[in-house]
Amino acid sequence: MPNVSNLVKTIQDIMRKDAGTYGDAQRLEQLGWMFFLKIFDDREKEMELVRDAYKSPLPKSLRWST
């Protein structure tokens, strides 16, 4: 796995090219949400394996894997 700081820098460089984001504060907020959603998705996959009756609180269309 690559170094986290290098990964974040690479993502920031890509986001800086996007005309839809204005400033580092907005990019940082979006990056935080992306990390949260990815981690949440990984935990959900784990819960689906561990608990038979686990049901995601998120609709399928809003999940990271979709």
C-alpha atoms as a PDB file:
ATOM      1  CA  MET A   1       0.000   0.000   0.000  1.00  0.00           C
ATOM      2  CA  PRO A   2       1.379   3.404  -0.910  1.00  0.00           C
ATOM      3  CA  ASN A   3       2.268   5.959   1.709  1.00  0.00           C
ATOM      4  CA  VAL A   4      -0.917   7.727   2.849  1.00  0.00           C
ATOM      5  CA  SER A   5       0.563  11.217   2.519  1.00  0.00           C
ATOM      6  CA  ASN A   6       1.608  10.487  -1.084  1.00  0.00           C
ATOM      7  CA  LEU A   7      -1.850   9.129  -1.815  1.00  0.00           C
ATOM      8  CA  VAL A   8      -3.526  12.232  -0.370  1.00  0.00           C
ATOM      9  CA  LYS A   9      -1.178  14.509  -2.343  1.00  0.00           C
ATOM     10  CA  THR A  10      -1.974  12.658  -5.568  1.00  0.00           C
ATOM     11  CA  ILE A  11      -5.706  12.962  -4.918  1.00  0.00           C
ATOM     12  CA  GLN A  12      -5.327  16.670  -4.103  1.00  0.00           C
ATOM     13  CA  ASP A  13      -3.422  17.257  -7.342  1.00  0.00           C
ATOM     14  CA  ILE A  14      -6.231  15.595  -9.304  1.00  0.00           C
ATOM     15  CA  MET A  15      -8.884  17.585  -7.430  1.00  0.00           C
ATOM     16  CA  ARG A  16      -7.069  20.882  -8.105  1.00  0.00           C
ATOM     17  CA  LYS A  17      -7.651  20.317 -11.831  1.00  0.00           C
ATOM     18  CA  ASP A  18     -11.425  20.050 -11.266  1.00  0.00           C
ATOM     19  CA  ALA A  19     -13.197  23.318 -12.020  1.00  0.00           C
ATOM     20  CA  GLY A  20     -16.004  22.345  -9.629  1.00  0.00           C
ATOM     21  CA  THR A  21     -13.922  22.688  -6.457  1.00  0.00           C
ATOM     22  CA  TYR A  22     -12.941  26.060  -5.084  1.00  0.00           C
ATOM     23  CA  GLY A  23     -10.021  26.177  -2.700  1.00  0.00           C
ATOM     24  CA  ASP A  24      -8.247  23.772  -0.410  1.00  0.00           C
ATOM     25  CA  ALA A  25     -10.955  23.967   2.282  1.00  0.00           C
ATOM     26  CA  GLN A  26     -13.589  22.554  -0.071  1.00  0.00           C
ATOM     27  CA  ARG A  27     -11.199  19.905  -1.412  1.00  0.00           C
ATOM     28  CA  LEU A  28     -10.300  18.866   2.137  1.00  0.00           C
ATOM     29  CA  GLU A  29     -13.995  18.494   3.024  1.00  0.00           C
ATOM     30  CA  GLN A  30     -14.645  16.378  -0.074  1.00  0.00           C
ATOM     31  CA  LEU A  31     -11.552  14.271   0.579  1.00  0.00           C
ATOM     32  CA  GLY A  32     -12.697  13.658   4.158  1.00  0.00           C
ATOM     33  CA  TRP A  33     -16.091  12.447   2.909  1.00  0.00           C
ATOM     34  CA  MET A  34     -14.449  10.181   0.333  1.00  0.00           C
ATOM     35  CA  PHE A  35     -12.287   8.550   3.027  1.00  0.00           C
ATOM     36  CA  PHE A  36     -15.291   8.179   5.329  1.00  0.00           C
ATOM     37  CA  LEU A  37     -17.436   6.553   2.635  1.00  0.00           C
ATOM     38  CA  LYS A  38     -14.664   4.152   1.601  1.00  0.00           C
ATOM     39  CA  ILE A  39     -13.979   3.099   5.191  1.00  0.00           C
ATOM     40  CA  PHE A  40     -17.719   2.762   5.864  1.00  0.00           C
ATOM     41  CA  ASP A  41     -18.080   0.548   2.773  1.00  0.00           C
ATOM     42  CA  ASP A  42     -15.223  -1.689   3.912  1.00  0.00           C
ATOM     43  CA  ARG A  43     -16.821  -2.029   7.351  1.00  0.00           C
ATOM     44  CA  GLU A  44     -20.173  -2.892   5.781  1.00  0.00           C
ATOM     45  CA  LYS A  45     -18.605  -5.677   3.745  1.00  0.00           C
ATOM     46  CA  GLU A  46     -17.068  -7.001   6.952  1.00  0.00           C
ATOM     47  CA  MET A  47     -20.409  -6.787   8.795  1.00  0.00           C
ATOM     48  CA  GLU A  48     -22.182  -8.645   5.974  1.00  0.00           C
ATOM     49  CA  LEU A  49     -19.759 -11.537   6.491  1.00  0.00           C
ATOM     50  CA  VAL A  50     -19.970 -11.550  10.289  1.00  0.00           C
ATOM     51  CA  ARG A  51     -23.692 -10.913  10.841  1.00  0.00           C
ATOM     52  CA  ASP A  52     -26.322 -12.901   8.996  1.00  0.00           C
ATOM     53  CA  ALA A  53     -29.075 -10.294   9.354  1.00  0.00           C
ATOM     54  CA  TYR A  54     -26.978  -7.189   8.635  1.00  0.00           C
ATOM     55  CA  LYS A  55     -28.751  -4.624   6.465  1.00  0.00           C
ATOM     56  CA  SER A  56     -26.995  -1.489   5.285  1.00  0.00           C
ATOM     57  CA  PRO A  57     -28.538   1.830   6.336  1.00  0.00           C
ATOM     58  CA  LEU A  58     -27.531   3.298   2.956  1.00  0.00           C
ATOM     59  CA  PRO A  59     -29.515   2.740  -0.238  1.00  0.00           C
ATOM     60  CA  LYS A  60     -27.589   0.728  -2.844  1.00  0.00           C
ATOM     61  CA  SER A  61     -27.284   3.750  -5.138  1.00  0.00           C
ATOM     62  CA  LEU A  62     -25.362   5.720  -2.476  1.00  0.00           C
ATOM     63  CA  ARG A  63     -22.813   3.070  -1.557  1.00  0.00           C
ATOM     64  CA  TRP A  64     -19.133   3.422  -2.408  1.00  0.00           C
ATOM     65  CA  SER A  65     -19.037   0.104  -4.240  1.00  0.00           C
ATOM     66  CA  THR A  66     -21.854   1.207  -6.531  1.00  0.00           C
END
